[in-house]
C-alpha atoms as a PDB file:
ATOM      1  CA  UNK A   1      -6.985   8.438 -17.272  1.00  0.00           C
ATOM      2  CA  UNK A   2      -9.425   5.581 -17.388  1.00  0.00           C
ATOM      3  CA  UNK A   3     -12.003   7.743 -15.628  1.00  0.00           C
ATOM      4  CA  UNK A   4     -11.679  10.403 -18.331  1.00  0.00           C
ATOM      5  CA  UNK A   5     -11.956   7.779 -21.064  1.00  0.00           C
ATOM      6  CA  UNK A   6     -15.151   6.456 -19.452  1.00  0.00           C
ATOM      7  CA  UNK A   7     -16.542   9.994 -19.143  1.00  0.00           C
ATOM      8  CA  UNK A   8     -15.934  10.638 -22.845  1.00  0.00           C
ATOM      9  CA  UNK A   9     -17.414   7.317 -24.004  1.00  0.00           C
ATOM     10  CA  UNK A  10     -20.437   7.582 -21.720  1.00  0.00           C
ATOM     11  CA  UNK A  11     -21.242  11.146 -22.798  1.00  0.00           C
ATOM     12  CA  UNK A  12     -20.860  10.308 -26.494  1.00  0.00           C
ATOM     13  CA  UNK A  13     -21.759   6.807 -27.591  1.00  0.00           C
ATOM     14  CA  UNK A  14     -20.274   7.407 -31.064  1.00  0.00           C
ATOM     15  CA  UNK A  15     -16.752   7.588 -29.601  1.00  0.00           C
ATOM     16  CA  UNK A  16     -14.878   4.304 -29.261  1.00  0.00           C
ATOM     17  CA  UNK A  17     -12.632   3.418 -26.337  1.00  0.00           C
ATOM     18  CA  UNK A  18      -9.600   3.803 -28.617  1.00  0.00           C
ATOM     19  CA  UNK A  19     -10.699   7.242 -29.824  1.00  0.00           C
ATOM     20  CA  UNK A  20     -11.402   8.310 -26.266  1.00  0.00           C
ATOM     21  CA  UNK A  21      -7.972   7.040 -25.214  1.00  0.00           C
ATOM     22  CA  UNK A  22      -6.353   9.086 -27.983  1.00  0.00           C
ATOM     23  CA  UNK A  23      -8.347  12.146 -26.913  1.00  0.00           C
ATOM     24  CA  UNK A  24      -7.290  11.676 -23.307  1.00  0.00           C
ATOM     25  CA  UNK A  25      -3.672  11.237 -24.410  1.00  0.00           C
ATOM     26  CA  UNK A  26      -3.852  14.506 -26.362  1.00  0.00           C
ATOM     27  CA  UNK A  27      -5.429  16.235 -23.363  1.00  0.00           C
ATOM     28  CA  UNK A  28      -2.645  14.890 -21.146  1.00  0.00           C
ATOM     29  CA  UNK A  29      -0.007  16.135 -23.603  1.00  0.00           C
ATOM     30  CA  UNK A  30      -1.726  19.524 -23.720  1.00  0.00           C
ATOM     31  CA  UNK A  31      -1.786  19.696 -19.912  1.00  0.00           C
ATOM     32  CA  UNK A  32       1.878  18.705 -19.805  1.00  0.00           C
ATOM     33  CA  UNK A  33       2.774  21.396 -22.336  1.00  0.00           C
ATOM     34  CA  UNK A  34       0.811  23.998 -20.369  1.00  0.00           C
ATOM     35  CA  UNK A  35       2.507  22.889 -17.161  1.00  0.00           C
ATOM     36  CA  UNK A  36       5.903  23.175 -18.854  1.00  0.00           C
ATOM     37  CA  UNK A  37       5.049  26.692 -20.080  1.00  0.00           C
ATOM     38  CA  UNK A  38       3.978  27.637 -16.564  1.00  0.00           C
ATOM     39  CA  UNK A  39       7.180  26.155 -15.189  1.00  0.00           C
ATOM     40  CA  UNK A  40       9.260  28.120 -17.704  1.00  0.00           C
ATOM     41  CA  UNK A  41       7.402  31.294 -16.722  1.00  0.00           C
ATOM     42  CA  UNK A  42       8.047  30.600 -13.048  1.00  0.00           C
ATOM     43  CA  UNK A  43      11.722  29.959 -13.759  1.00  0.00           C
ATOM     44  CA  UNK A  44      11.900  33.285 -15.591  1.00  0.00           C
ATOM     45  CA  UNK A  45      10.212  35.095 -12.721  1.00  0.00           C
ATOM     46  CA  UNK A  46      12.495  33.414 -10.213  1.00  0.00           C
ATOM     47  CA  UNK A  47      15.551  34.451 -12.234  1.00  0.00           C
ATOM     48  CA  UNK A  48      14.256  38.035 -12.275  1.00  0.00           C
ATOM     49  CA  UNK A  49      13.793  37.930  -8.488  1.00  0.00           C
ATOM     50  CA  UNK A  50      17.286  36.526  -7.965  1.00  0.00           C
ATOM     51  CA  UNK A  51      18.779  39.147 -10.294  1.00  0.00           C
ATOM     52  CA  UNK A  52      16.892  41.894  -8.458  1.00  0.00           C
ATOM     53  CA  UNK A  53      18.054  40.536  -5.100  1.00  0.00           C
ATOM     54  CA  UNK A  54      21.651  40.544  -6.364  1.00  0.00           C
ATOM     55  CA  UNK A  55      21.272  44.125  -7.587  1.00  0.00           C
ATOM     56  CA  UNK A  56      19.744  45.295  -4.319  1.00  0.00           C
ATOM     57  CA  UNK A  57      22.429  43.486  -2.315  1.00  0.00           C
ATOM     58  CA  UNK A  58      25.114  45.195  -4.382  1.00  0.00           C
ATOM     59  CA  UNK A  59      23.446  48.577  -3.850  1.00  0.00           C
ATOM     60  CA  UNK A  60      23.262  47.897  -0.118  1.00  0.00           C
ATOM     61  CA  UNK A  61      26.937  46.943  -0.015  1.00  0.00           C
ATOM     62  CA  UNK A  62      27.829  50.156  -1.852  1.00  0.00           C
ATOM     63  CA  UNK A  63      25.713  52.186   0.563  1.00  0.00           C
ATOM     64  CA  UNK A  64      27.411  50.532   3.553  1.00  0.00           C
ATOM     65  CA  UNK A  65      30.843  51.366   2.096  1.00  0.00           C
ATOM     66  CA  UNK A  66      29.786  54.970   1.472  1.00  0.00           C
ATOM     67  CA  UNK A  67      28.447  55.189   5.012  1.00  0.00           C
ATOM     68  CA  UNK A  68      31.772  53.984   6.407  1.00  0.00           C
ATOM     69  CA  UNK A  69      33.601  56.604   4.325  1.00  0.00           C
ATOM     70  CA  UNK A  70      31.262  59.311   5.601  1.00  0.00           C
ATOM     71  CA  UNK A  71      31.714  58.140   9.199  1.00  0.00           C
ATOM     72  CA  UNK A  72      35.490  58.298   8.750  1.00  0.00           C
ATOM     73  CA  UNK A  73      35.254  61.822   7.317  1.00  0.00           C
ATOM     74  CA  UNK A  74      33.018  62.921  10.190  1.00  0.00           C
ATOM     75  CA  UNK A  75      35.476  61.481  12.667  1.00  0.00           C
ATOM     76  CA  UNK A  76      38.336  63.323  10.936  1.00  0.00           C
ATOM     77  CA  UNK A  77      36.377  66.585  10.916  1.00  0.00           C
ATOM     78  CA  UNK A  78      35.565  66.203  14.603  1.00  0.00           C
ATOM     79  CA  UNK A  79      39.261  65.630  15.288  1.00  0.00           C
ATOM     80  CA  UNK A  80      40.154  68.727  13.250  1.00  0.00           C
ATOM     81  CA  UNK A  81      37.559  70.745  15.154  1.00  0.00           C
ATOM     82  CA  UNK A  82      39.023  69.647  18.495  1.00  0.00           C
ATOM     83  CA  UNK A  83      42.521  70.565  17.270  1.00  0.00           C
ATOM     84  CA  UNK A  84      41.289  74.002  16.186  1.00  0.00           C
ATOM     85  CA  UNK A  85      39.592  74.545  19.535  1.00  0.00           C
ATOM     86  CA  UNK A  86      42.772  73.481  21.318  1.00  0.00           C
ATOM     87  CA  UNK A  87      44.836  75.857  19.149  1.00  0.00           C
ATOM     88  CA  UNK A  88      42.417  78.705  19.773  1.00  0.00           C
ATOM     89  CA  UNK A  89      42.567  78.144  23.516  1.00  0.00           C
ATOM     90  CA  UNK A  90      46.372  78.443  23.561  1.00  0.00           C
END
């Protein structure tokens, strides 16, 4: 911060050390506020990503369950087909 104060006072001789210190303090507060806004935005984005990941995981789980049901039905149909073939051969 001292470096910034010196930069301000050396570039403008009408500005006192105290005024420059206040300016630097305001700049620091502004930077902090901007950083906090950025952090809030990142938190929001992260929440969206987590929510999307949860949604996709749920969809995947549903698809896996449906696939298992379909596999079971296929297995049953294959068994029925074998029974029909066995009946027809008798």
